[in-house]
Amino acid sequence: MRSLELIARMGAKGNNINGGGGGKAHSALCDSDVAGALAGVRHPLGSLLLRAKYNLESVDELRAGWRAIVIKEAAALKWGARNPMTIRLLADAVLQELVMRNDGDAEGLSHVIRAHFMLLAKSSYQEKWHCRFEHCLAMLSKIETDAVDQYAQHMKRR
């Protein structure tokens, strides 16, 4: 079974992963299976991201952790901002975009919407922040991809 299929089923209690209505007891996903597999996700935000994206948990803890990562990255790469909130808004906008995306939907939000989320003019976003947004989106997408793969590996062992 593909990783995303396993992820899609993680919110449903007792889902039979082989598609049948009955079957062996070990073919059903239960809360303990999902919890055990999510515990095997190595990145601290990976499990939180999957839980938030698939509506198993609120995004508050995820948002705080992701903001800390983006703030650290911004400092390391010397991304100056006139308004200190801009970096936090960047983190929130990236998280919002990734959590909102549907599987297979490669197209992200428009520059206008991203600029609006970050309280920036479209021109400022395009000139200075677009490449930073894409950098952060790639970082968070990598965390998600790794988390999905690790979750799937743990589910295959169950």
C-alpha atoms as a PDB file:
ATOM      1  CA  MET A   1       0.000   0.000   0.000  1.00  0.00           C
ATOM      2  CA  ARG A   2       1.302   3.464  -0.885  1.00  0.00           C
ATOM      3  CA  SER A   3       2.344   5.877   1.868  1.00  0.00           C
ATOM      4  CA  LEU A   4      -0.382   8.409   1.144  1.00  0.00           C
ATOM      5  CA  GLU A   5      -3.052   5.712   1.233  1.00  0.00           C
ATOM      6  CA  LEU A   6      -1.916   4.751   4.722  1.00  0.00           C
ATOM      7  CA  ILE A   7      -1.922   8.392   5.788  1.00  0.00           C
ATOM      8  CA  ALA A   8      -5.398   8.945   4.355  1.00  0.00           C
ATOM      9  CA  ARG A   9      -6.720   6.107   6.488  1.00  0.00           C
ATOM     10  CA  MET A  10      -5.087   7.110   9.739  1.00  0.00           C
ATOM     11  CA  GLY A  11      -8.028   9.095  11.059  1.00  0.00           C
ATOM     12  CA  ALA A  12     -10.584   6.331  10.705  1.00  0.00           C
ATOM     13  CA  LYS A  13     -11.047   3.879  13.564  1.00  0.00           C
ATOM     14  CA  GLY A  14     -10.855   0.248  12.629  1.00  0.00           C
ATOM     15  CA  ASN A  15     -10.312   0.832   8.924  1.00  0.00           C
ATOM     16  CA  ASN A  16      -9.527  -2.362   7.077  1.00  0.00           C
ATOM     17  CA  ILE A  17      -6.380  -1.608   5.065  1.00  0.00           C
ATOM     18  CA  ASN A  18      -6.857  -4.501   2.655  1.00  0.00           C
ATOM     19  CA  GLY A  19     -10.133  -3.036   1.389  1.00  0.00           C
ATOM     20  CA  GLY A  20     -12.346  -5.936   2.482  1.00  0.00           C
ATOM     21  CA  GLY A  21     -15.243  -5.803   4.864  1.00  0.00           C
ATOM     22  CA  GLY A  22     -13.890  -8.528   7.115  1.00  0.00           C
ATOM     23  CA  GLY A  23     -10.578 -10.244   7.300  1.00  0.00           C
ATOM     24  CA  LYS A  24      -7.978 -10.892   9.877  1.00  0.00           C
ATOM     25  CA  ALA A  25      -7.862  -8.848  13.042  1.00  0.00           C
ATOM     26  CA  HIS A  26      -4.394  -7.503  12.181  1.00  0.00           C
ATOM     27  CA  SER A  27      -5.674  -5.947   8.926  1.00  0.00           C
ATOM     28  CA  ALA A  28      -7.613  -3.191  10.708  1.00  0.00           C
ATOM     29  CA  LEU A  29      -6.052   0.104  11.706  1.00  0.00           C
ATOM     30  CA  CYS A  30      -6.814   1.019  15.269  1.00  0.00           C
ATOM     31  CA  ASP A  31      -5.810   4.006  17.378  1.00  0.00           C
ATOM     32  CA  SER A  32      -2.867   2.176  18.920  1.00  0.00           C
ATOM     33  CA  ASP A  33      -1.501   1.281  15.442  1.00  0.00           C
ATOM     34  CA  VAL A  34      -1.708   4.895  14.324  1.00  0.00           C
ATOM     35  CA  ALA A  35      -0.218   6.191  17.582  1.00  0.00           C
ATOM     36  CA  GLY A  36       2.645   3.701  17.410  1.00  0.00           C
ATOM     37  CA  ALA A  37       3.428   4.588  13.814  1.00  0.00           C
ATOM     38  CA  LEU A  38       3.280   8.339  14.509  1.00  0.00           C
ATOM     39  CA  ALA A  39       5.637   7.833  17.450  1.00  0.00           C
ATOM     40  CA  GLY A  40       8.153   6.402  14.975  1.00  0.00           C
ATOM     41  CA  VAL A  41       8.353   9.651  13.003  1.00  0.00           C
ATOM     42  CA  ARG A  42      11.823  11.025  13.793  1.00  0.00           C
ATOM     43  CA  HIS A  43      11.502  14.769  13.120  1.00  0.00           C
ATOM     44  CA  PRO A  44       9.946  16.551  16.096  1.00  0.00           C
ATOM     45  CA  LEU A  45       7.476  18.377  13.848  1.00  0.00           C
ATOM     46  CA  GLY A  46       6.815  15.463  11.484  1.00  0.00           C
ATOM     47  CA  SER A  47       4.260  13.730  13.666  1.00  0.00           C
ATOM     48  CA  LEU A  48       2.626  17.040  14.596  1.00  0.00           C
ATOM     49  CA  LEU A  49       2.410  18.001  10.929  1.00  0.00           C
ATOM     50  CA  LEU A  50       0.699  14.748   9.981  1.00  0.00           C
ATOM     51  CA  ARG A  51      -1.690  14.997  12.928  1.00  0.00           C
ATOM     52  CA  ALA A  52      -2.625  18.582  12.033  1.00  0.00           C
ATOM     53  CA  LYS A  53      -2.901  17.998   8.297  1.00  0.00           C
ATOM     54  CA  TYR A  54      -5.218  15.039   8.748  1.00  0.00           C
ATOM     55  CA  ASN A  55      -7.311  16.711  11.476  1.00  0.00           C
ATOM     56  CA  LEU A  56      -6.191  14.549  14.369  1.00  0.00           C
ATOM     57  CA  GLU A  57      -4.825  17.417  16.435  1.00  0.00           C
ATOM     58  CA  SER A  58      -4.823  21.210  16.524  1.00  0.00           C
ATOM     59  CA  VAL A  59      -2.013  23.126  14.859  1.00  0.00           C
ATOM     60  CA  ASP A  60      -0.992  25.242  17.864  1.00  0.00           C
ATOM     61  CA  GLU A  61       2.023  23.187  18.942  1.00  0.00           C
ATOM     62  CA  LEU A  62       2.997  22.623  15.306  1.00  0.00           C
ATOM     63  CA  ARG A  63       2.781  26.364  14.572  1.00  0.00           C
ATOM     64  CA  ALA A  64       5.007  27.243  17.545  1.00  0.00           C
ATOM     65  CA  GLY A  65       7.639  24.659  16.587  1.00  0.00           C
ATOM     66  CA  TRP A  66       7.596  25.631  12.919  1.00  0.00           C
ATOM     67  CA  ARG A  67       7.918  29.322  13.764  1.00  0.00           C
ATOM     68  CA  ALA A  68      11.002  28.558  15.857  1.00  0.00           C
ATOM     69  CA  ILE A  69      12.593  26.692  12.925  1.00  0.00           C
ATOM     70  CA  VAL A  70      11.850  29.527  10.473  1.00  0.00           C
ATOM     71  CA  ILE A  71      13.113  32.202  12.877  1.00  0.00           C
ATOM     72  CA  LYS A  72      16.352  30.249  13.342  1.00  0.00           C
ATOM     73  CA  GLU A  73      16.717  29.768   9.570  1.00  0.00           C
ATOM     74  CA  ALA A  74      16.028  33.463   8.938  1.00  0.00           C
ATOM     75  CA  ALA A  75      18.713  34.447  11.437  1.00  0.00           C
ATOM     76  CA  ALA A  76      21.226  32.000   9.953  1.00  0.00           C
ATOM     77  CA  LEU A  77      20.562  33.288   6.428  1.00  0.00           C
ATOM     78  CA  LYS A  78      20.410  36.917   7.607  1.00  0.00           C
ATOM     79  CA  TRP A  79      16.908  37.598   6.316  1.00  0.00           C
ATOM     80  CA  GLY A  80      16.329  41.080   7.583  1.00  0.00           C
ATOM     81  CA  ALA A  81      12.778  42.312   7.991  1.00  0.00           C
ATOM     82  CA  ARG A  82      11.589  45.791   8.878  1.00  0.00           C
ATOM     83  CA  ASN A  83       8.749  44.316  10.887  1.00  0.00           C
ATOM     84  CA  PRO A  84       9.810  41.489  13.235  1.00  0.00           C
ATOM     85  CA  MET A  85       6.373  39.887  12.744  1.00  0.00           C
ATOM     86  CA  THR A  86       7.124  39.282   9.057  1.00  0.00           C
ATOM     87  CA  ILE A  87       9.208  36.178   9.778  1.00  0.00           C
ATOM     88  CA  ARG A  88       6.433  34.728  11.958  1.00  0.00           C
ATOM     89  CA  LEU A  89       3.856  35.577   9.311  1.00  0.00           C
ATOM     90  CA  LEU A  90       6.075  33.885   6.715  1.00  0.00           C
ATOM     91  CA  ALA A  91       6.149  30.735   8.848  1.00  0.00           C
ATOM     92  CA  ASP A  92       2.373  30.838   9.335  1.00  0.00           C
ATOM     93  CA  ALA A  93       1.698  31.386   5.619  1.00  0.00           C
ATOM     94  CA  VAL A  94       3.938  28.473   4.615  1.00  0.00           C
ATOM     95  CA  LEU A  95       2.274  26.211   7.170  1.00  0.00           C
ATOM     96  CA  GLN A  96      -1.180  27.337   6.053  1.00  0.00           C
ATOM     97  CA  GLU A  97      -0.355  26.586   2.435  1.00  0.00           C
ATOM     98  CA  LEU A  98       1.049  23.130   3.122  1.00  0.00           C
ATOM     99  CA  VAL A  99      -1.744  22.081   5.479  1.00  0.00           C
ATOM    100  CA  MET A 100      -4.404  23.366   3.070  1.00  0.00           C
ATOM    101  CA  ARG A 101      -2.988  21.630   0.003  1.00  0.00           C
ATOM    102  CA  ASN A 102      -4.763  18.527  -1.179  1.00  0.00           C
ATOM    103  CA  ASP A 103      -2.724  15.481  -2.127  1.00  0.00           C
ATOM    104  CA  GLY A 104      -1.656  15.780  -5.740  1.00  0.00           C
ATOM    105  CA  ASP A 105      -2.334  19.530  -5.840  1.00  0.00           C
ATOM    106  CA  ALA A 106       1.080  20.840  -6.812  1.00  0.00           C
ATOM    107  CA  GLU A 107      -0.121  24.406  -7.354  1.00  0.00           C
ATOM    108  CA  GLY A 108       0.256  26.673  -4.375  1.00  0.00           C
ATOM    109  CA  LEU A 109      -1.379  29.922  -3.451  1.00  0.00           C
ATOM    110  CA  SER A 110      -0.921  32.965  -5.661  1.00  0.00           C
ATOM    111  CA  HIS A 111       1.630  35.664  -4.887  1.00  0.00           C
ATOM    112  CA  VAL A 112      -1.233  38.030  -4.049  1.00  0.00           C
ATOM    113  CA  ILE A 113      -2.671  35.658  -1.439  1.00  0.00           C
ATOM    114  CA  ARG A 114       0.749  34.864   0.017  1.00  0.00           C
ATOM    115  CA  ALA A 115       1.557  38.598   0.245  1.00  0.00           C
ATOM    116  CA  HIS A 116      -1.812  39.197   1.901  1.00  0.00           C
ATOM    117  CA  PHE A 117      -1.159  36.476   4.511  1.00  0.00           C
ATOM    118  CA  MET A 118       2.199  38.105   5.269  1.00  0.00           C
ATOM    119  CA  LEU A 119       0.757  41.654   5.342  1.00  0.00           C
ATOM    120  CA  LEU A 120       3.051  42.692   2.487  1.00  0.00           C
ATOM    121  CA  ALA A 121       2.540  44.491  -0.787  1.00  0.00           C
ATOM    122  CA  LYS A 122       2.600  42.112  -3.751  1.00  0.00           C
ATOM    123  CA  SER A 123       5.693  43.861  -5.133  1.00  0.00           C
ATOM    124  CA  SER A 124       7.554  43.464  -1.833  1.00  0.00           C
ATOM    125  CA  TYR A 125       6.614  39.798  -1.679  1.00  0.00           C
ATOM    126  CA  GLN A 126       7.765  39.172  -5.251  1.00  0.00           C
ATOM    127  CA  GLU A 127      11.029  41.093  -4.896  1.00  0.00           C
ATOM    128  CA  LYS A 128      12.198  39.920  -1.497  1.00  0.00           C
ATOM    129  CA  TRP A 129      10.019  37.255   0.070  1.00  0.00           C
ATOM    130  CA  HIS A 130       8.995  34.869  -2.697  1.00  0.00           C
ATOM    131  CA  CYS A 131      12.323  33.008  -2.728  1.00  0.00           C
ATOM    132  CA  ARG A 132      12.262  32.881   1.092  1.00  0.00           C
ATOM    133  CA  PHE A 133       8.707  31.534   1.049  1.00  0.00           C
ATOM    134  CA  GLU A 134       9.704  28.830  -1.440  1.00  0.00           C
ATOM    135  CA  HIS A 135      12.771  27.979   0.661  1.00  0.00           C
ATOM    136  CA  CYS A 136      10.615  27.505   3.769  1.00  0.00           C
ATOM    137  CA  LEU A 137       7.958  25.605   1.813  1.00  0.00           C
ATOM    138  CA  ALA A 138      10.643  23.207   0.572  1.00  0.00           C
ATOM    139  CA  MET A 139      11.898  22.726   4.157  1.00  0.00           C
ATOM    140  CA  LEU A 140       8.416  21.959   5.478  1.00  0.00           C
ATOM    141  CA  SER A 141       7.574  19.747   2.493  1.00  0.00           C
ATOM    142  CA  LYS A 142      10.713  17.716   3.210  1.00  0.00           C
ATOM    143  CA  ILE A 143       9.650  17.298   6.834  1.00  0.00           C
ATOM    144  CA  GLU A 144       6.237  16.116   5.638  1.00  0.00           C
ATOM    145  CA  THR A 145       7.646  13.702   3.044  1.00  0.00           C
ATOM    146  CA  ASP A 146      10.040  12.174   5.561  1.00  0.00           C
ATOM    147  CA  ALA A 147       7.246  11.882   8.140  1.00  0.00           C
ATOM    148  CA  VAL A 148       4.910  10.160   5.661  1.00  0.00           C
ATOM    149  CA  ASP A 149       7.638   7.708   4.678  1.00  0.00           C
ATOM    150  CA  GLN A 150       8.517   6.933   8.302  1.00  0.00           C
ATOM    151  CA  TYR A 151       4.842   6.565   9.231  1.00  0.00           C
ATOM    152  CA  ALA A 152       4.293   4.177   6.312  1.00  0.00           C
ATOM    153  CA  GLN A 153       7.328   2.103   7.270  1.00  0.00           C
ATOM    154  CA  HIS A 154       6.020   1.699  10.808  1.00  0.00           C
ATOM    155  CA  MET A 155       2.520   0.839   9.577  1.00  0.00           C
ATOM    156  CA  LYS A 156       3.919  -1.878   7.284  1.00  0.00           C
ATOM    157  CA  ARG A 157       5.484  -3.550  10.332  1.00  0.00           C
ATOM    158  CA  ARG A 158       2.104  -3.789  12.082  1.00  0.00           C
END
